[in-house]
Amino acid sequence: MRIQDYGSFSVQKKKNFTSEYTFTSSLGFLEVKIVNRPPELTNIDDISCEIEYEAQVERKKEGIQDINFKVNLVELELKVDDYPEDPKEFEFDIVPGENIDSKYFIIKKEERLIPSKPSFLHIDMRKSMNIGDFKIDIHFGKNG
């Protein structure tokens, strides 16, 4: 996980303290599940994914109340076995609210939010290569 705005994350003056941070986190083959794939993606050999997201800390005098997340970008790379030819590579840049309707991009918060990074990505491609047709669930935190 990389912190994009390290200046606001590191030592700050109390009056300038912000509760919003931008991060980039990577997920691998076991943390990404893709269902209802189109025929072009039948034999996926490898999956890599980078997620750029914002975490906003909701706090009160008593302490941290909640952490809210907003995903800005999901970069998904798939390698597909095309034997006897060389493997094919497919890249998808998924931007909620731009190339996918926000109602099809769902953020789910698990029981424990610390560490506060994406833990699982579920993509229903709905038999299409068009990002606008996808339905995506992204999980933050862990259960139990």
N, C-alpha and C. Protein backbone atom coordinates (compact mmCIF):
# COMPACT_ATOMS: atom_id res chain seq x y z
N MET A 1 0.85 -1.17 0.00
CA MET A 1 0.00 0.00 0.00
C MET A 1 0.89 1.23 0.00
N ARG A 2 0.57 2.21 -0.85
CA ARG A 2 1.32 3.46 -0.92
C ARG A 2 0.42 4.61 -0.50
N ILE A 3 0.99 5.53 0.25
CA ILE A 3 0.27 6.74 0.66
C ILE A 3 0.54 7.80 -0.39
N GLN A 4 -0.53 8.33 -1.00
CA GLN A 4 -0.36 9.32 -2.07
C GLN A 4 -0.11 10.72 -1.53
N ASP A 5 -0.71 11.07 -0.41
CA ASP A 5 -0.54 12.42 0.13
C ASP A 5 0.19 12.35 1.47
N TYR A 6 1.46 11.96 1.42
CA TYR A 6 2.22 11.71 2.63
C TYR A 6 2.32 12.95 3.52
N GLY A 7 2.34 14.13 2.93
CA GLY A 7 2.43 15.37 3.71
C GLY A 7 1.30 15.49 4.72
N SER A 8 0.09 15.14 4.32
CA SER A 8 -1.03 15.24 5.25
C SER A 8 -1.07 14.03 6.19
N PHE A 9 -0.40 12.95 5.79
CA PHE A 9 -0.39 11.74 6.63
C PHE A 9 0.66 11.86 7.75
N SER A 10 1.77 12.55 7.46
CA SER A 10 2.86 12.65 8.43
C SER A 10 2.57 13.75 9.45
N VAL A 11 3.60 14.16 10.15
CA VAL A 11 3.47 15.15 11.21
C VAL A 11 2.81 16.42 10.69
N GLN A 12 1.82 16.89 11.42
CA GLN A 12 1.06 18.05 10.98
C GLN A 12 0.86 19.01 12.14
N LYS A 13 0.51 20.26 11.79
CA LYS A 13 0.10 21.21 12.80
C LYS A 13 -1.34 20.86 13.16
N LYS A 14 -1.67 20.95 14.42
CA LYS A 14 -3.00 20.54 14.87
C LYS A 14 -4.12 21.26 14.14
N LYS A 15 -3.94 22.54 13.81
CA LYS A 15 -5.00 23.29 13.15
C LYS A 15 -5.19 22.85 11.70
N ASN A 16 -4.16 22.31 11.07
CA ASN A 16 -4.26 21.91 9.68
C ASN A 16 -4.54 20.42 9.52
N PHE A 17 -4.85 19.74 10.59
CA PHE A 17 -5.06 18.30 10.53
C PHE A 17 -6.23 17.95 9.63
N THR A 18 -5.99 17.04 8.70
CA THR A 18 -7.05 16.59 7.82
C THR A 18 -7.36 15.13 8.12
N SER A 19 -8.57 14.72 7.82
CA SER A 19 -8.97 13.36 8.09
C SER A 19 -9.18 12.58 6.79
N GLU A 20 -8.70 13.11 5.67
CA GLU A 20 -8.85 12.44 4.39
C GLU A 20 -7.49 12.11 3.82
N TYR A 21 -7.31 10.86 3.40
CA TYR A 21 -6.05 10.39 2.87
C TYR A 21 -6.30 9.62 1.58
N THR A 22 -5.33 9.69 0.66
CA THR A 22 -5.42 8.94 -0.58
C THR A 22 -4.34 7.87 -0.59
N PHE A 23 -4.72 6.65 -0.95
CA PHE A 23 -3.80 5.51 -0.94
C PHE A 23 -3.90 4.74 -2.26
N THR A 24 -2.90 3.92 -2.52
CA THR A 24 -2.95 2.95 -3.60
C THR A 24 -2.58 1.60 -3.01
N SER A 25 -3.39 0.59 -3.29
CA SER A 25 -3.18 -0.74 -2.75
C SER A 25 -3.27 -1.76 -3.88
N SER A 26 -2.51 -2.85 -3.76
CA SER A 26 -2.52 -3.90 -4.77
C SER A 26 -3.23 -5.14 -4.27
N LEU A 27 -3.94 -5.80 -5.18
CA LEU A 27 -4.56 -7.09 -4.90
C LEU A 27 -4.05 -8.08 -5.93
N GLY A 28 -3.96 -9.34 -5.53
CA GLY A 28 -3.47 -10.37 -6.44
C GLY A 28 -4.54 -11.37 -6.81
N PHE A 29 -4.09 -12.45 -7.43
CA PHE A 29 -4.96 -13.47 -7.99
C PHE A 29 -5.97 -14.02 -7.00
N LEU A 30 -5.56 -14.26 -5.75
CA LEU A 30 -6.44 -14.87 -4.76
C LEU A 30 -7.42 -13.88 -4.14
N GLU A 31 -7.18 -12.60 -4.31
CA GLU A 31 -8.03 -11.57 -3.70
C GLU A 31 -9.03 -10.95 -4.68
N VAL A 32 -9.00 -11.44 -5.92
CA VAL A 32 -9.90 -10.92 -6.96
C VAL A 32 -10.69 -12.10 -7.53
N LYS A 33 -12.00 -11.98 -7.52
CA LYS A 33 -12.85 -13.01 -8.10
C LYS A 33 -13.64 -12.40 -9.24
N ILE A 34 -13.55 -13.03 -10.42
CA ILE A 34 -14.24 -12.54 -11.59
C ILE A 34 -15.22 -13.62 -12.04
N VAL A 35 -16.50 -13.25 -12.12
CA VAL A 35 -17.55 -14.20 -12.51
C VAL A 35 -18.27 -13.71 -13.76
N ASN A 36 -19.02 -14.60 -14.39
CA ASN A 36 -19.77 -14.31 -15.62
C ASN A 36 -18.88 -13.65 -16.67
N ARG A 37 -17.73 -14.29 -16.90
CA ARG A 37 -16.76 -13.76 -17.87
C ARG A 37 -17.23 -13.99 -19.31
N PRO A 38 -16.86 -13.08 -20.20
CA PRO A 38 -17.14 -13.31 -21.62
C PRO A 38 -16.18 -14.39 -22.16
N PRO A 39 -16.46 -14.94 -23.34
CA PRO A 39 -15.63 -16.01 -23.89
C PRO A 39 -14.15 -15.64 -24.04
N GLU A 40 -13.84 -14.37 -24.28
CA GLU A 40 -12.43 -13.94 -24.44
C GLU A 40 -11.61 -14.17 -23.17
N LEU A 41 -12.27 -14.30 -22.03
CA LEU A 41 -11.56 -14.41 -20.75
C LEU A 41 -11.80 -15.76 -20.08
N THR A 42 -11.90 -16.81 -20.87
CA THR A 42 -12.20 -18.13 -20.32
C THR A 42 -11.07 -18.67 -19.44
N ASN A 43 -9.84 -18.58 -19.90
CA ASN A 43 -8.70 -19.19 -19.19
C ASN A 43 -7.77 -18.13 -18.61
N ILE A 44 -8.17 -17.48 -17.54
CA ILE A 44 -7.33 -16.45 -16.91
C ILE A 44 -6.20 -17.13 -16.14
N ASP A 45 -4.95 -16.76 -16.48
CA ASP A 45 -3.77 -17.30 -15.81
C ASP A 45 -3.30 -16.43 -14.66
N ASP A 46 -3.46 -15.11 -14.82
CA ASP A 46 -2.94 -14.20 -13.80
C ASP A 46 -3.82 -12.95 -13.74
N ILE A 47 -3.94 -12.44 -12.52
CA ILE A 47 -4.70 -11.21 -12.28
C ILE A 47 -3.85 -10.30 -11.41
N SER A 48 -3.75 -9.05 -11.81
CA SER A 48 -3.15 -8.05 -10.93
C SER A 48 -4.05 -6.83 -10.92
N CYS A 49 -4.07 -6.18 -9.79
CA CYS A 49 -5.03 -5.09 -9.61
C CYS A 49 -4.44 -4.04 -8.68
N GLU A 50 -4.58 -2.78 -9.06
CA GLU A 50 -4.22 -1.66 -8.19
C GLU A 50 -5.45 -0.82 -7.98
N ILE A 51 -5.67 -0.43 -6.74
CA ILE A 51 -6.85 0.34 -6.37
C ILE A 51 -6.39 1.65 -5.74
N GLU A 52 -6.83 2.76 -6.33
CA GLU A 52 -6.56 4.06 -5.74
C GLU A 52 -7.84 4.47 -5.01
N TYR A 53 -7.69 4.78 -3.73
CA TYR A 53 -8.88 5.08 -2.94
C TYR A 53 -8.58 6.14 -1.88
N GLU A 54 -9.66 6.71 -1.37
CA GLU A 54 -9.56 7.69 -0.30
C GLU A 54 -10.20 7.11 0.95
N ALA A 55 -9.58 7.39 2.08
CA ALA A 55 -10.14 7.00 3.37
C ALA A 55 -10.40 8.28 4.16
N GLN A 56 -11.61 8.42 4.64
CA GLN A 56 -11.98 9.58 5.43
C GLN A 56 -12.30 9.09 6.84
N VAL A 57 -11.58 9.64 7.79
CA VAL A 57 -11.76 9.25 9.19
C VAL A 57 -12.82 10.15 9.81
N GLU A 58 -13.86 9.53 10.33
CA GLU A 58 -14.90 10.27 11.03
C GLU A 58 -14.55 10.20 12.52
N ARG A 59 -14.32 11.35 13.11
CA ARG A 59 -13.86 11.35 14.50
C ARG A 59 -14.63 12.37 15.33
N LYS A 60 -14.68 12.08 16.59
CA LYS A 60 -15.27 12.98 17.57
C LYS A 60 -14.30 13.11 18.73
N LYS A 61 -14.68 13.87 19.69
CA LYS A 61 -13.83 14.09 20.86
C LYS A 61 -13.44 12.76 21.52
N GLU A 62 -14.36 11.79 21.47
CA GLU A 62 -14.13 10.49 22.11
C GLU A 62 -13.18 9.60 21.31
N GLY A 63 -12.97 9.92 20.04
CA GLY A 63 -12.07 9.12 19.22
C GLY A 63 -12.64 8.86 17.84
N ILE A 64 -12.08 7.90 17.15
CA ILE A 64 -12.50 7.57 15.79
C ILE A 64 -13.84 6.84 15.84
N GLN A 65 -14.80 7.32 15.06
CA GLN A 65 -16.13 6.74 15.00
C GLN A 65 -16.28 5.76 13.85
N ASP A 66 -15.70 6.11 12.68
CA ASP A 66 -15.86 5.28 11.49
C ASP A 66 -14.82 5.69 10.46
N ILE A 67 -14.62 4.84 9.46
CA ILE A 67 -13.78 5.15 8.32
C ILE A 67 -14.63 4.94 7.08
N ASN A 68 -14.71 5.95 6.22
CA ASN A 68 -15.48 5.86 4.98
C ASN A 68 -14.51 5.84 3.81
N PHE A 69 -14.88 5.08 2.77
CA PHE A 69 -13.99 4.88 1.64
C PHE A 69 -14.63 5.36 0.34
N LYS A 70 -13.80 5.88 -0.54
CA LYS A 70 -14.22 6.26 -1.89
C LYS A 70 -13.14 5.74 -2.84
N VAL A 71 -13.54 4.95 -3.82
CA VAL A 71 -12.59 4.42 -4.80
C VAL A 71 -12.56 5.35 -5.99
N ASN A 72 -11.34 5.77 -6.36
CA ASN A 72 -11.16 6.67 -7.50
C ASN A 72 -10.84 5.91 -8.79
N LEU A 73 -10.12 4.79 -8.66
CA LEU A 73 -9.65 4.07 -9.84
C LEU A 73 -9.32 2.63 -9.48
N VAL A 74 -9.72 1.71 -10.36
CA VAL A 74 -9.30 0.31 -10.26
C VAL A 74 -8.61 -0.03 -11.57
N GLU A 75 -7.33 -0.36 -11.49
CA GLU A 75 -6.57 -0.78 -12.67
C GLU A 75 -6.47 -2.30 -12.61
N LEU A 76 -7.09 -2.97 -13.55
CA LEU A 76 -7.16 -4.43 -13.58
C LEU A 76 -6.43 -4.94 -14.80
N GLU A 77 -5.49 -5.87 -14.58
CA GLU A 77 -4.75 -6.50 -15.69
C GLU A 77 -4.97 -8.00 -15.62
N LEU A 78 -5.37 -8.57 -16.75
CA LEU A 78 -5.63 -10.01 -16.84
C LEU A 78 -4.75 -10.62 -17.92
N LYS A 79 -4.16 -11.77 -17.61
CA LYS A 79 -3.42 -12.55 -18.60
C LYS A 79 -4.21 -13.81 -18.86
N VAL A 80 -4.47 -14.06 -20.14
CA VAL A 80 -5.31 -15.18 -20.53
C VAL A 80 -4.50 -16.15 -21.38
N ASP A 81 -4.59 -17.44 -21.04
CA ASP A 81 -3.92 -18.49 -21.80
C ASP A 81 -4.60 -18.62 -23.16
N ASP A 82 -3.81 -18.51 -24.23
CA ASP A 82 -4.33 -18.63 -25.59
C ASP A 82 -3.52 -19.67 -26.36
N TYR A 83 -3.21 -20.78 -25.69
CA TYR A 83 -2.40 -21.82 -26.29
C TYR A 83 -2.98 -22.27 -27.62
N PRO A 84 -2.20 -22.44 -28.63
CA PRO A 84 -0.74 -22.47 -28.73
C PRO A 84 -0.12 -21.09 -28.96
N GLU A 85 -0.92 -20.05 -29.03
CA GLU A 85 -0.41 -18.69 -29.20
C GLU A 85 0.14 -18.18 -27.86
N ASP A 86 0.78 -17.01 -27.91
CA ASP A 86 1.25 -16.36 -26.69
C ASP A 86 0.05 -15.91 -25.87
N PRO A 87 0.24 -15.79 -24.55
CA PRO A 87 -0.86 -15.30 -23.71
C PRO A 87 -1.33 -13.91 -24.14
N LYS A 88 -2.63 -13.67 -23.99
CA LYS A 88 -3.20 -12.36 -24.29
C LYS A 88 -3.32 -11.57 -22.99
N GLU A 89 -3.12 -10.26 -23.10
CA GLU A 89 -3.26 -9.39 -21.93
C GLU A 89 -4.41 -8.41 -22.16
N PHE A 90 -5.19 -8.24 -21.12
CA PHE A 90 -6.31 -7.30 -21.16
C PHE A 90 -6.17 -6.35 -19.98
N GLU A 91 -6.37 -5.06 -20.24
CA GLU A 91 -6.30 -4.06 -19.19
C GLU A 91 -7.61 -3.28 -19.13
N PHE A 92 -8.07 -3.06 -17.91
CA PHE A 92 -9.29 -2.30 -17.67
C PHE A 92 -8.99 -1.21 -16.65
N ASP A 93 -9.27 0.04 -16.99
CA ASP A 93 -9.19 1.15 -16.04
C ASP A 93 -10.63 1.50 -15.67
N ILE A 94 -11.01 1.14 -14.47
CA ILE A 94 -12.39 1.30 -14.01
C ILE A 94 -12.47 2.54 -13.13
N VAL A 95 -13.27 3.51 -13.55
CA VAL A 95 -13.41 4.77 -12.83
C VAL A 95 -14.89 4.94 -12.44
N PRO A 96 -15.21 4.73 -11.15
CA PRO A 96 -16.61 4.88 -10.71
C PRO A 96 -17.14 6.28 -11.02
N GLY A 97 -18.35 6.31 -11.57
CA GLY A 97 -18.99 7.58 -11.91
C GLY A 97 -18.60 8.09 -13.29
N GLU A 98 -17.59 7.49 -13.92
CA GLU A 98 -17.19 7.90 -15.27
C GLU A 98 -17.49 6.79 -16.28
N ASN A 99 -16.77 5.66 -16.19
CA ASN A 99 -17.02 4.60 -17.17
C ASN A 99 -17.82 3.43 -16.58
N ILE A 100 -18.23 3.56 -15.32
CA ILE A 100 -19.14 2.61 -14.70
C ILE A 100 -20.06 3.41 -13.77
N ASP A 101 -21.34 3.12 -13.86
CA ASP A 101 -22.32 3.81 -13.02
C ASP A 101 -22.03 3.50 -11.55
N SER A 102 -22.07 4.50 -10.71
CA SER A 102 -21.77 4.34 -9.28
C SER A 102 -22.68 3.31 -8.61
N LYS A 103 -23.89 3.13 -9.12
CA LYS A 103 -24.79 2.15 -8.50
C LYS A 103 -24.33 0.72 -8.72
N TYR A 104 -23.42 0.49 -9.69
CA TYR A 104 -22.87 -0.84 -9.93
C TYR A 104 -21.49 -1.01 -9.29
N PHE A 105 -21.07 -0.04 -8.52
CA PHE A 105 -19.78 -0.09 -7.83
C PHE A 105 -20.05 0.05 -6.34
N ILE A 106 -20.02 -1.07 -5.64
CA ILE A 106 -20.46 -1.11 -4.25
C ILE A 106 -19.28 -1.33 -3.32
N ILE A 107 -19.17 -0.46 -2.33
CA ILE A 107 -18.13 -0.58 -1.30
C ILE A 107 -18.74 -1.25 -0.09
N LYS A 108 -18.08 -2.33 0.38
CA LYS A 108 -18.55 -3.05 1.55
C LYS A 108 -17.49 -2.97 2.64
N LYS A 109 -17.94 -2.59 3.83
CA LYS A 109 -17.01 -2.51 4.97
C LYS A 109 -17.20 -3.76 5.82
N GLU A 110 -16.09 -4.44 6.07
CA GLU A 110 -16.14 -5.65 6.88
C GLU A 110 -16.13 -5.27 8.36
N GLU A 111 -16.17 -6.28 9.20
CA GLU A 111 -16.27 -6.12 10.65
C GLU A 111 -15.11 -5.29 11.23
N ARG A 112 -13.87 -5.60 10.81
CA ARG A 112 -12.69 -4.87 11.29
C ARG A 112 -12.12 -4.05 10.15
N LEU A 113 -12.05 -2.73 10.34
CA LEU A 113 -11.57 -1.84 9.28
C LEU A 113 -10.09 -1.51 9.39
N ILE A 114 -9.44 -1.93 10.45
CA ILE A 114 -8.02 -1.67 10.62
C ILE A 114 -7.30 -3.01 10.46
N PRO A 115 -6.37 -3.20 9.54
CA PRO A 115 -5.87 -2.19 8.61
C PRO A 115 -6.92 -1.82 7.58
N SER A 116 -6.91 -0.55 7.20
CA SER A 116 -7.96 -0.02 6.33
C SER A 116 -7.51 -0.03 4.87
N LYS A 117 -7.51 -1.21 4.30
CA LYS A 117 -7.16 -1.34 2.89
C LYS A 117 -8.11 -2.33 2.24
N PRO A 118 -8.20 -2.31 0.91
CA PRO A 118 -9.06 -3.28 0.24
C PRO A 118 -8.57 -4.70 0.52
N SER A 119 -9.50 -5.60 0.79
CA SER A 119 -9.12 -6.98 1.07
C SER A 119 -9.64 -7.95 0.02
N PHE A 120 -10.66 -7.55 -0.75
CA PHE A 120 -11.25 -8.45 -1.73
C PHE A 120 -12.01 -7.65 -2.79
N LEU A 121 -11.93 -8.11 -4.03
CA LEU A 121 -12.62 -7.47 -5.14
C LEU A 121 -13.41 -8.53 -5.88
N HIS A 122 -14.71 -8.31 -6.03
CA HIS A 122 -15.59 -9.23 -6.75
C HIS A 122 -16.14 -8.49 -7.97
N ILE A 123 -15.87 -9.04 -9.16
CA ILE A 123 -16.33 -8.41 -10.39
C ILE A 123 -17.25 -9.36 -11.13
N ASP A 124 -18.47 -8.92 -11.36
CA ASP A 124 -19.41 -9.65 -12.20
C ASP A 124 -19.36 -8.96 -13.56
N MET A 125 -18.73 -9.60 -14.54
CA MET A 125 -18.55 -8.97 -15.86
C MET A 125 -19.84 -9.02 -16.69
N ARG A 126 -20.80 -9.81 -16.25
CA ARG A 126 -22.09 -9.93 -16.92
C ARG A 126 -21.93 -10.23 -18.41
N LYS A 127 -20.95 -11.13 -18.69
CA LYS A 127 -20.67 -11.65 -20.05
C LYS A 127 -20.26 -10.56 -21.05
N SER A 128 -19.67 -9.46 -20.55
CA SER A 128 -19.33 -8.32 -21.40
C SER A 128 -17.90 -7.86 -21.15
N MET A 129 -17.29 -7.31 -22.21
CA MET A 129 -15.96 -6.69 -22.08
C MET A 129 -16.11 -5.18 -21.83
N ASN A 130 -17.32 -4.68 -21.83
CA ASN A 130 -17.60 -3.25 -21.62
C ASN A 130 -17.67 -2.96 -20.11
N ILE A 131 -16.80 -2.10 -19.64
CA ILE A 131 -16.73 -1.77 -18.21
C ILE A 131 -18.07 -1.28 -17.68
N GLY A 132 -18.81 -0.56 -18.47
CA GLY A 132 -20.11 -0.03 -18.05
C GLY A 132 -21.12 -1.11 -17.70
N ASP A 133 -20.89 -2.33 -18.16
CA ASP A 133 -21.80 -3.45 -17.86
C ASP A 133 -21.43 -4.19 -16.58
N PHE A 134 -20.23 -3.95 -16.06
CA PHE A 134 -19.74 -4.67 -14.89
C PHE A 134 -20.55 -4.31 -13.64
N LYS A 135 -20.54 -5.21 -12.68
CA LYS A 135 -21.04 -4.95 -11.33
C LYS A 135 -19.90 -5.32 -10.39
N ILE A 136 -19.51 -4.38 -9.54
CA ILE A 136 -18.31 -4.56 -8.72
C ILE A 136 -18.61 -4.38 -7.25
N ASP A 137 -18.12 -5.31 -6.44
CA ASP A 137 -18.13 -5.20 -4.98
C ASP A 137 -16.69 -5.17 -4.51
N ILE A 138 -16.35 -4.16 -3.73
CA ILE A 138 -15.00 -4.07 -3.18
C ILE A 138 -15.12 -4.05 -1.66
N HIS A 139 -14.34 -4.92 -1.02
CA HIS A 139 -14.41 -5.10 0.43
C HIS A 139 -13.20 -4.43 1.08
N PHE A 140 -13.47 -3.70 2.15
CA PHE A 140 -12.41 -3.09 2.95
C PHE A 140 -12.41 -3.73 4.34
N GLY A 141 -11.24 -3.99 4.90
CA GLY A 141 -11.12 -4.58 6.22
C GLY A 141 -11.26 -6.10 6.19
N LYS A 142 -11.45 -6.67 7.36
CA LYS A 142 -11.54 -8.13 7.48
C LYS A 142 -12.69 -8.51 8.39
N ASN A 143 -13.18 -9.71 8.21
CA ASN A 143 -14.17 -10.27 9.12
C ASN A 143 -13.46 -10.96 10.29
N GLY A 144 -14.05 -10.84 11.46
CA GLY A 144 -13.56 -11.54 12.65
C GLY A 144 -12.24 -11.16 13.16
